[in-house]
Amino acid sequence: MSTTPLQPSHPLHPDARDRLYAECARAISEAGVERESLFLARLALLLFEQVGDEARCRAALADALHALPVPSLSAFELQTGD
């Protein structure tokens, strides 16, 4: 596992980051629960191709897993419609 966060070679502007986050969330919702994991794996692979560096991609995977938050109860309730 990476000991320090992966530093992007070209950081996104905060506004662009927010727009991309929202678009990613929308695309995940559009893919639906049954295809969510496949969509995310495909997206990651396409982005890995853009990075073109296996070591950086592996570091990003480790960093993402390490910082993964536990879903809150309210997020679970929104997904199930309770």
PDB file of N, CA and C in Angstrom:
ATOM      1  N   MET A   1       0.843  -1.173   0.000  1.00  0.00           N
ATOM      2  CA  MET A   1       0.000   0.000   0.000  1.00  0.00           C
ATOM      3  C   MET A   1       0.883   1.229   0.000  1.00  0.00           C
ATOM      4  N   SER A   2       0.446   2.270  -0.701  1.00  0.00           N
ATOM      5  CA  SER A   2       1.180   3.525  -0.752  1.00  0.00           C
ATOM      6  C   SER A   2       1.170   4.191   0.624  1.00  0.00           C
ATOM      7  N   THR A   3       2.287   4.761   1.016  1.00  0.00           N
ATOM      8  CA  THR A   3       2.346   5.409   2.325  1.00  0.00           C
ATOM      9  C   THR A   3       1.943   6.874   2.241  1.00  0.00           C
ATOM     10  N   THR A   4       2.037   7.473   1.066  1.00  0.00           N
ATOM     11  CA  THR A   4       1.601   8.852   0.874  1.00  0.00           C
ATOM     12  C   THR A   4       0.600   8.877  -0.273  1.00  0.00           C
ATOM     13  N   PRO A   5      -0.332   9.834  -0.237  1.00  0.00           N
ATOM     14  CA  PRO A   5      -1.318   9.901  -1.313  1.00  0.00           C
ATOM     15  C   PRO A   5      -0.657  10.103  -2.665  1.00  0.00           C
ATOM     16  N   LEU A   6      -1.239   9.504  -3.676  1.00  0.00           N
ATOM     17  CA  LEU A   6      -0.763   9.644  -5.045  1.00  0.00           C
ATOM     18  C   LEU A   6      -0.958  11.085  -5.496  1.00  0.00           C
ATOM     19  N   GLN A   7       0.074  11.691  -6.021  1.00  0.00           N
ATOM     20  CA  GLN A   7      -0.014  13.065  -6.494  1.00  0.00           C
ATOM     21  C   GLN A   7      -0.238  13.068  -8.006  1.00  0.00           C
ATOM     22  N   PRO A   8      -1.315  13.719  -8.475  1.00  0.00           N
ATOM     23  CA  PRO A   8      -1.572  13.760  -9.913  1.00  0.00           C
ATOM     24  C   PRO A   8      -0.512  14.582 -10.636  1.00  0.00           C
ATOM     25  N   SER A   9      -0.207  14.215 -11.867  1.00  0.00           N
ATOM     26  CA  SER A   9       0.772  14.970 -12.637  1.00  0.00           C
ATOM     27  C   SER A   9       0.187  16.305 -13.096  1.00  0.00           C
ATOM     28  N   HIS A  10      -1.128  16.373 -13.295  1.00  0.00           N
ATOM     29  CA  HIS A  10      -1.823  17.598 -13.687  1.00  0.00           C
ATOM     30  C   HIS A  10      -3.100  17.700 -12.856  1.00  0.00           C
ATOM     31  N   PRO A  11      -3.027  18.316 -11.658  1.00  0.00           N
ATOM     32  CA  PRO A  11      -4.209  18.381 -10.799  1.00  0.00           C
ATOM     33  C   PRO A  11      -5.365  19.107 -11.478  1.00  0.00           C
ATOM     34  N   LEU A  12      -6.566  18.646 -11.199  1.00  0.00           N
ATOM     35  CA  LEU A  12      -7.758  19.285 -11.744  1.00  0.00           C
ATOM     36  C   LEU A  12      -8.083  20.552 -10.969  1.00  0.00           C
ATOM     37  N   HIS A  13      -8.636  21.520 -11.652  1.00  0.00           N
ATOM     38  CA  HIS A  13      -9.170  22.702 -10.985  1.00  0.00           C
ATOM     39  C   HIS A  13     -10.338  22.232 -10.113  1.00  0.00           C
ATOM     40  N   PRO A  14     -10.520  22.812  -8.927  1.00  0.00           N
ATOM     41  CA  PRO A  14     -11.606  22.359  -8.048  1.00  0.00           C
ATOM     42  C   PRO A  14     -12.986  22.352  -8.707  1.00  0.00           C
ATOM     43  N   ASP A  15     -13.292  23.330  -9.568  1.00  0.00           N
ATOM     44  CA  ASP A  15     -14.583  23.348 -10.262  1.00  0.00           C
ATOM     45  C   ASP A  15     -14.716  22.165 -11.213  1.00  0.00           C
ATOM     46  N   ALA A  16     -13.639  21.855 -11.929  1.00  0.00           N
ATOM     47  CA  ALA A  16     -13.657  20.715 -12.843  1.00  0.00           C
ATOM     48  C   ALA A  16     -13.814  19.417 -12.059  1.00  0.00           C
ATOM     49  N   ARG A  17     -13.136  19.342 -10.924  1.00  0.00           N
ATOM     50  CA  ARG A  17     -13.245  18.152 -10.073  1.00  0.00           C
ATOM     51  C   ARG A  17     -14.684  17.950  -9.610  1.00  0.00           C
ATOM     52  N   ASP A  18     -15.350  19.025  -9.190  1.00  0.00           N
ATOM     53  CA  ASP A  18     -16.744  18.937  -8.755  1.00  0.00           C
ATOM     54  C   ASP A  18     -17.662  18.505  -9.896  1.00  0.00           C
ATOM     55  N   ARG A  19     -17.441  19.068 -11.083  1.00  0.00           N
ATOM     56  CA  ARG A  19     -18.275  18.684 -12.244  1.00  0.00           C
ATOM     57  C   ARG A  19     -18.083  17.214 -12.598  1.00  0.00           C
ATOM     58  N   LEU A  20     -16.830  16.769 -12.594  1.00  0.00           N
ATOM     59  CA  LEU A  20     -16.555  15.374 -12.928  1.00  0.00           C
ATOM     60  C   LEU A  20     -17.106  14.423 -11.874  1.00  0.00           C
ATOM     61  N   TYR A  21     -17.044  14.811 -10.611  1.00  0.00           N
ATOM     62  CA  TYR A  21     -17.607  13.994  -9.539  1.00  0.00           C
ATOM     63  C   TYR A  21     -19.113  13.826  -9.761  1.00  0.00           C
ATOM     64  N   ALA A  22     -19.790  14.932 -10.045  1.00  0.00           N
ATOM     65  CA  ALA A  22     -21.241  14.881 -10.266  1.00  0.00           C
ATOM     66  C   ALA A  22     -21.573  14.033 -11.488  1.00  0.00           C
ATOM     67  N   GLU A  23     -20.812  14.174 -12.559  1.00  0.00           N
ATOM     68  CA  GLU A  23     -21.057  13.383 -13.770  1.00  0.00           C
ATOM     69  C   GLU A  23     -20.797  11.904 -13.524  1.00  0.00           C
ATOM     70  N   CYS A  24     -19.765  11.604 -12.745  1.00  0.00           N
ATOM     71  CA  CYS A  24     -19.458  10.218 -12.407  1.00  0.00           C
ATOM     72  C   CYS A  24     -20.595   9.617 -11.579  1.00  0.00           C
ATOM     73  N   ALA A  25     -21.083  10.362 -10.593  1.00  0.00           N
ATOM     74  CA  ALA A  25     -22.192   9.888  -9.765  1.00  0.00           C
ATOM     75  C   ALA A  25     -23.433   9.638 -10.614  1.00  0.00           C
ATOM     76  N   ARG A  26     -23.696  10.534 -11.566  1.00  0.00           N
ATOM     77  CA  ARG A  26     -24.841  10.370 -12.464  1.00  0.00           C
ATOM     78  C   ARG A  26     -24.676   9.121 -13.327  1.00  0.00           C
ATOM     79  N   ALA A  27     -23.474   8.903 -13.843  1.00  0.00           N
ATOM     80  CA  ALA A  27     -23.224   7.731 -14.686  1.00  0.00           C
ATOM     81  C   ALA A  27     -23.355   6.436 -13.891  1.00  0.00           C
ATOM     82  N   ILE A  28     -22.903   6.435 -12.644  1.00  0.00           N
ATOM     83  CA  ILE A  28     -23.047   5.254 -11.784  1.00  0.00           C
ATOM     84  C   ILE A  28     -24.523   4.958 -11.565  1.00  0.00           C
ATOM     85  N   SER A  29     -25.304   6.008 -11.300  1.00  0.00           N
ATOM     86  CA  SER A  29     -26.746   5.824 -11.119  1.00  0.00           C
ATOM     87  C   SER A  29     -27.394   5.303 -12.399  1.00  0.00           C
ATOM     88  N   GLU A  30     -26.982   5.826 -13.526  1.00  0.00           N
ATOM     89  CA  GLU A  30     -27.530   5.385 -14.812  1.00  0.00           C
ATOM     90  C   GLU A  30     -27.188   3.919 -15.086  1.00  0.00           C
ATOM     91  N   ALA A  31     -25.995   3.506 -14.698  1.00  0.00           N
ATOM     92  CA  ALA A  31     -25.604   2.102 -14.889  1.00  0.00           C
ATOM     93  C   ALA A  31     -26.492   1.178 -14.066  1.00  0.00           C
ATOM     94  N   GLY A  32     -26.953   1.655 -12.923  1.00  0.00           N
ATOM     95  CA  GLY A  32     -27.831   0.858 -12.074  1.00  0.00           C
ATOM     96  C   GLY A  32     -27.048  -0.047 -11.138  1.00  0.00           C
ATOM     97  N   VAL A  33     -27.708  -0.453 -10.074  1.00  0.00           N
ATOM     98  CA  VAL A  33     -27.075  -1.265  -9.035  1.00  0.00           C
ATOM     99  C   VAL A  33     -26.494  -2.553  -9.610  1.00  0.00           C
ATOM    100  N   GLU A  34     -27.219  -3.172 -10.531  1.00  0.00           N
ATOM    101  CA  GLU A  34     -26.774  -4.469 -11.061  1.00  0.00           C
ATOM    102  C   GLU A  34     -25.534  -4.363 -11.944  1.00  0.00           C
ATOM    103  N   ARG A  35     -25.250  -3.161 -12.496  1.00  0.00           N
ATOM    104  CA  ARG A  35     -24.074  -2.994 -13.368  1.00  0.00           C
ATOM    105  C   ARG A  35     -23.054  -2.011 -12.807  1.00  0.00           C
ATOM    106  N   GLU A  36     -23.281  -1.536 -11.585  1.00  0.00           N
ATOM    107  CA  GLU A  36     -22.410  -0.532 -10.978  1.00  0.00           C
ATOM    108  C   GLU A  36     -20.947  -0.982 -10.920  1.00  0.00           C
ATOM    109  N   SER A  37     -20.703  -2.173 -10.419  1.00  0.00           N
ATOM    110  CA  SER A  37     -19.324  -2.666 -10.296  1.00  0.00           C
ATOM    111  C   SER A  37     -18.660  -2.816 -11.657  1.00  0.00           C
ATOM    112  N   LEU A  38     -19.400  -3.309 -12.640  1.00  0.00           N
ATOM    113  CA  LEU A  38     -18.838  -3.451 -13.988  1.00  0.00           C
ATOM    114  C   LEU A  38     -18.508  -2.087 -14.591  1.00  0.00           C
ATOM    115  N   PHE A  39     -19.400  -1.121 -14.386  1.00  0.00           N
ATOM    116  CA  PHE A  39     -19.151   0.228 -14.889  1.00  0.00           C
ATOM    117  C   PHE A  39     -17.880   0.806 -14.275  1.00  0.00           C
ATOM    118  N   LEU A  40     -17.755   0.690 -12.945  1.00  0.00           N
ATOM    119  CA  LEU A  40     -16.595   1.259 -12.266  1.00  0.00           C
ATOM    120  C   LEU A  40     -15.293   0.583 -12.687  1.00  0.00           C
ATOM    121  N   ALA A  41     -15.330  -0.730 -12.868  1.00  0.00           N
ATOM    122  CA  ALA A  41     -14.131  -1.440 -13.316  1.00  0.00           C
ATOM    123  C   ALA A  41     -13.755  -1.016 -14.734  1.00  0.00           C
ATOM    124  N   ARG A  42     -14.763  -0.854 -15.599  1.00  0.00           N
ATOM    125  CA  ARG A  42     -14.498  -0.420 -16.985  1.00  0.00           C
ATOM    126  C   ARG A  42     -13.945   1.004 -16.998  1.00  0.00           C
ATOM    127  N   LEU A  43     -14.538   1.875 -16.196  1.00  0.00           N
ATOM    128  CA  LEU A  43     -14.054   3.254 -16.109  1.00  0.00           C
ATOM    129  C   LEU A  43     -12.609   3.279 -15.633  1.00  0.00           C
ATOM    130  N   ALA A  44     -12.315   2.509 -14.594  1.00  0.00           N
ATOM    131  CA  ALA A  44     -10.944   2.466 -14.073  1.00  0.00           C
ATOM    132  C   ALA A  44      -9.974   1.987 -15.146  1.00  0.00           C
ATOM    133  N   LEU A  45     -10.342   0.945 -15.869  1.00  0.00           N
ATOM    134  CA  LEU A  45      -9.456   0.428 -16.916  1.00  0.00           C
ATOM    135  C   LEU A  45      -9.205   1.474 -18.002  1.00  0.00           C
ATOM    136  N   LEU A  46     -10.253   2.179 -18.421  1.00  0.00           N
ATOM    137  CA  LEU A  46     -10.083   3.221 -19.435  1.00  0.00           C
ATOM    138  C   LEU A  46      -9.180   4.352 -18.920  1.00  0.00           C
ATOM    139  N   LEU A  47      -9.326   4.703 -17.659  1.00  0.00           N
ATOM    140  CA  LEU A  47      -8.465   5.740 -17.091  1.00  0.00           C
ATOM    141  C   LEU A  47      -7.033   5.246 -16.905  1.00  0.00           C
ATOM    142  N   PHE A  48      -6.867   3.967 -16.542  1.00  0.00           N
ATOM    143  CA  PHE A  48      -5.523   3.390 -16.441  1.00  0.00           C
ATOM    144  C   PHE A  48      -4.812   3.485 -17.785  1.00  0.00           C
ATOM    145  N   GLU A  49      -5.554   3.229 -18.861  1.00  0.00           N
ATOM    146  CA  GLU A  49      -4.971   3.343 -20.206  1.00  0.00           C
ATOM    147  C   GLU A  49      -4.475   4.765 -20.460  1.00  0.00           C
ATOM    148  N   GLN A  50      -5.221   5.763 -19.983  1.00  0.00           N
ATOM    149  CA  GLN A  50      -4.813   7.152 -20.157  1.00  0.00           C
ATOM    150  C   GLN A  50      -3.564   7.473 -19.340  1.00  0.00           C
ATOM    151  N   VAL A  51      -3.476   6.911 -18.139  1.00  0.00           N
ATOM    152  CA  VAL A  51      -2.303   7.144 -17.288  1.00  0.00           C
ATOM    153  C   VAL A  51      -1.079   6.476 -17.904  1.00  0.00           C
ATOM    154  N   GLY A  52      -1.251   5.229 -18.335  1.00  0.00           N
ATOM    155  CA  GLY A  52      -0.179   4.524 -19.023  1.00  0.00           C
ATOM    156  C   GLY A  52       1.002   4.112 -18.160  1.00  0.00           C
ATOM    157  N   ASP A  53       0.820   4.057 -16.858  1.00  0.00           N
ATOM    158  CA  ASP A  53       1.903   3.692 -15.952  1.00  0.00           C
ATOM    159  C   ASP A  53       1.353   2.725 -14.910  1.00  0.00           C
ATOM    160  N   GLU A  54       1.718   1.452 -15.016  1.00  0.00           N
ATOM    161  CA  GLU A  54       1.172   0.428 -14.133  1.00  0.00           C
ATOM    162  C   GLU A  54       1.420   0.730 -12.660  1.00  0.00           C
ATOM    163  N   ALA A  55       2.603   1.205 -12.320  1.00  0.00           N
ATOM    164  CA  ALA A  55       2.920   1.493 -10.923  1.00  0.00           C
ATOM    165  C   ALA A  55       2.022   2.602 -10.369  1.00  0.00           C
ATOM    166  N   ARG A  56       1.804   3.657 -11.143  1.00  0.00           N
ATOM    167  CA  ARG A  56       0.911   4.744 -10.691  1.00  0.00           C
ATOM    168  C   ARG A  56      -0.525   4.247 -10.555  1.00  0.00           C
ATOM    169  N   CYS A  57      -0.955   3.387 -11.456  1.00  0.00           N
ATOM    170  CA  CYS A  57      -2.311   2.831 -11.389  1.00  0.00           C
ATOM    171  C   CYS A  57      -2.473   1.958 -10.147  1.00  0.00           C
ATOM    172  N   ARG A  58      -1.485   1.122  -9.864  1.00  0.00           N
ATOM    173  CA  ARG A  58      -1.532   0.285  -8.660  1.00  0.00           C
ATOM    174  C   ARG A  58      -1.537   1.150  -7.399  1.00  0.00           C
ATOM    175  N   ALA A  59      -0.744   2.224  -7.391  1.00  0.00           N
ATOM    176  CA  ALA A  59      -0.723   3.132  -6.245  1.00  0.00           C
ATOM    177  C   ALA A  59      -2.087   3.802  -6.064  1.00  0.00           C
ATOM    178  N   ALA A  60      -2.729   4.184  -7.167  1.00  0.00           N
ATOM    179  CA  ALA A  60      -4.054   4.801  -7.084  1.00  0.00           C
ATOM    180  C   ALA A  60      -5.076   3.812  -6.532  1.00  0.00           C
ATOM    181  N   LEU A  61      -5.010   2.562  -6.953  1.00  0.00           N
ATOM    182  CA  LEU A  61      -5.913   1.534  -6.418  1.00  0.00           C
ATOM    183  C   LEU A  61      -5.725   1.378  -4.910  1.00  0.00           C
ATOM    184  N   ALA A  62      -4.483   1.301  -4.477  1.00  0.00           N
ATOM    185  CA  ALA A  62      -4.198   1.140  -3.050  1.00  0.00           C
ATOM    186  C   ALA A  62      -4.667   2.361  -2.263  1.00  0.00           C
ATOM    187  N   ASP A  63      -4.431   3.558  -2.799  1.00  0.00           N
ATOM    188  CA  ASP A  63      -4.849   4.787  -2.120  1.00  0.00           C
ATOM    189  C   ASP A  63      -6.373   4.863  -2.028  1.00  0.00           C
ATOM    190  N   ALA A  64      -7.065   4.510  -3.099  1.00  0.00           N
ATOM    191  CA  ALA A  64      -8.526   4.563  -3.109  1.00  0.00           C
ATOM    192  C   ALA A  64      -9.115   3.583  -2.094  1.00  0.00           C
ATOM    193  N   LEU A  65      -8.556   2.407  -2.011  1.00  0.00           N
ATOM    194  CA  LEU A  65      -9.054   1.409  -1.071  1.00  0.00           C
ATOM    195  C   LEU A  65      -8.767   1.829   0.363  1.00  0.00           C
ATOM    196  N   HIS A  66      -7.595   2.393   0.585  1.00  0.00           N
ATOM    197  CA  HIS A  66      -7.183   2.808   1.935  1.00  0.00           C
ATOM    198  C   HIS A  66      -8.083   3.930   2.474  1.00  0.00           C
ATOM    199  N   ALA A  67      -8.485   4.857   1.643  1.00  0.00           N
ATOM    200  CA  ALA A  67      -9.264   6.014   2.085  1.00  0.00           C
ATOM    201  C   ALA A  67     -10.768   5.824   1.899  1.00  0.00           C
ATOM    202  N   LEU A  68     -11.204   4.631   1.600  1.00  0.00           N
ATOM    203  CA  LEU A  68     -12.612   4.369   1.328  1.00  0.00           C
ATOM    204  C   LEU A  68     -13.433   4.541   2.598  1.00  0.00           C
ATOM    205  N   PRO A  69     -14.399   5.479   2.584  1.00  0.00           N
ATOM    206  CA  PRO A  69     -15.208   5.688   3.790  1.00  0.00           C
ATOM    207  C   PRO A  69     -16.272   4.610   3.943  1.00  0.00           C
ATOM    208  N   VAL A  70     -16.727   4.442   5.156  1.00  0.00           N
ATOM    209  CA  VAL A  70     -17.833   3.536   5.441  1.00  0.00           C
ATOM    210  C   VAL A  70     -19.116   4.291   5.117  1.00  0.00           C
ATOM    211  N   PRO A  71     -20.037   3.690   4.337  1.00  0.00           N
ATOM    212  CA  PRO A  71     -21.277   4.395   4.011  1.00  0.00           C
ATOM    213  C   PRO A  71     -22.057   4.739   5.278  1.00  0.00           C
ATOM    214  N   SER A  72     -22.704   5.892   5.263  1.00  0.00           N
ATOM    215  CA  SER A  72     -23.510   6.287   6.415  1.00  0.00           C
ATOM    216  C   SER A  72     -24.880   5.640   6.321  1.00  0.00           C
ATOM    217  N   LEU A  73     -25.562   5.572   7.437  1.00  0.00           N
ATOM    218  CA  LEU A  73     -26.899   5.004   7.478  1.00  0.00           C
ATOM    219  C   LEU A  73     -27.840   5.785   6.574  1.00  0.00           C
ATOM    220  N   SER A  74     -27.701   7.102   6.529  1.00  0.00           N
ATOM    221  CA  SER A  74     -28.592   7.905   5.689  1.00  0.00           C
ATOM    222  C   SER A  74     -28.387   7.589   4.215  1.00  0.00           C
ATOM    223  N   ALA A  75     -27.154   7.317   3.784  1.00  0.00           N
ATOM    224  CA  ALA A  75     -26.904   6.951   2.393  1.00  0.00           C
ATOM    225  C   ALA A  75     -27.553   5.614   2.081  1.00  0.00           C
ATOM    226  N   PHE A  76     -27.503   4.673   3.010  1.00  0.00           N
ATOM    227  CA  PHE A  76     -28.139   3.373   2.815  1.00  0.00           C
ATOM    228  C   PHE A  76     -29.647   3.531   2.685  1.00  0.00           C
ATOM    229  N   GLU A  77     -30.240   4.382   3.523  1.00  0.00           N
ATOM    230  CA  GLU A  77     -31.682   4.590   3.465  1.00  0.00           C
ATOM    231  C   GLU A  77     -32.107   5.216   2.160  1.00  0.00           C
ATOM    232  N   LEU A  78     -31.299   6.136   1.602  1.00  0.00           N
ATOM    233  CA  LEU A  78     -31.626   6.745   0.318  1.00  0.00           C
ATOM    234  C   LEU A  78     -31.615   5.722  -0.796  1.00  0.00           C
ATOM    235  N   GLN A  79     -30.663   4.777  -0.757  1.00  0.00           N
ATOM    236  CA  GLN A  79     -30.565   3.770  -1.809  1.00  0.00           C
ATOM    237  C   GLN A  79     -31.715   2.775  -1.740  1.00  0.00           C
ATOM    238  N   THR A  80     -32.157   2.423  -0.563  1.00  0.00           N
ATOM    239  CA  THR A  80     -33.206   1.415  -0.415  1.00  0.00           C
ATOM    240  C   THR A  80     -34.597   2.018  -0.446  1.00  0.00           C
ATOM    241  N   GLY A  81     -34.675   3.351  -0.336  1.00  0.00           N
ATOM    242  CA  GLY A  81     -35.966   4.020  -0.373  1.00  0.00           C
ATOM    243  C   GLY A  81     -36.737   3.940   0.918  1.00  0.00           C
ATOM    244  N   ASP A  82     -36.082   3.597   2.025  1.00  0.00           N
ATOM    245  CA  ASP A  82     -36.763   3.523   3.334  1.00  0.00           C
ATOM    246  C   ASP A  82     -36.991   4.886   3.924  1.00  0.00           C
TER     247      ASP A  82
END
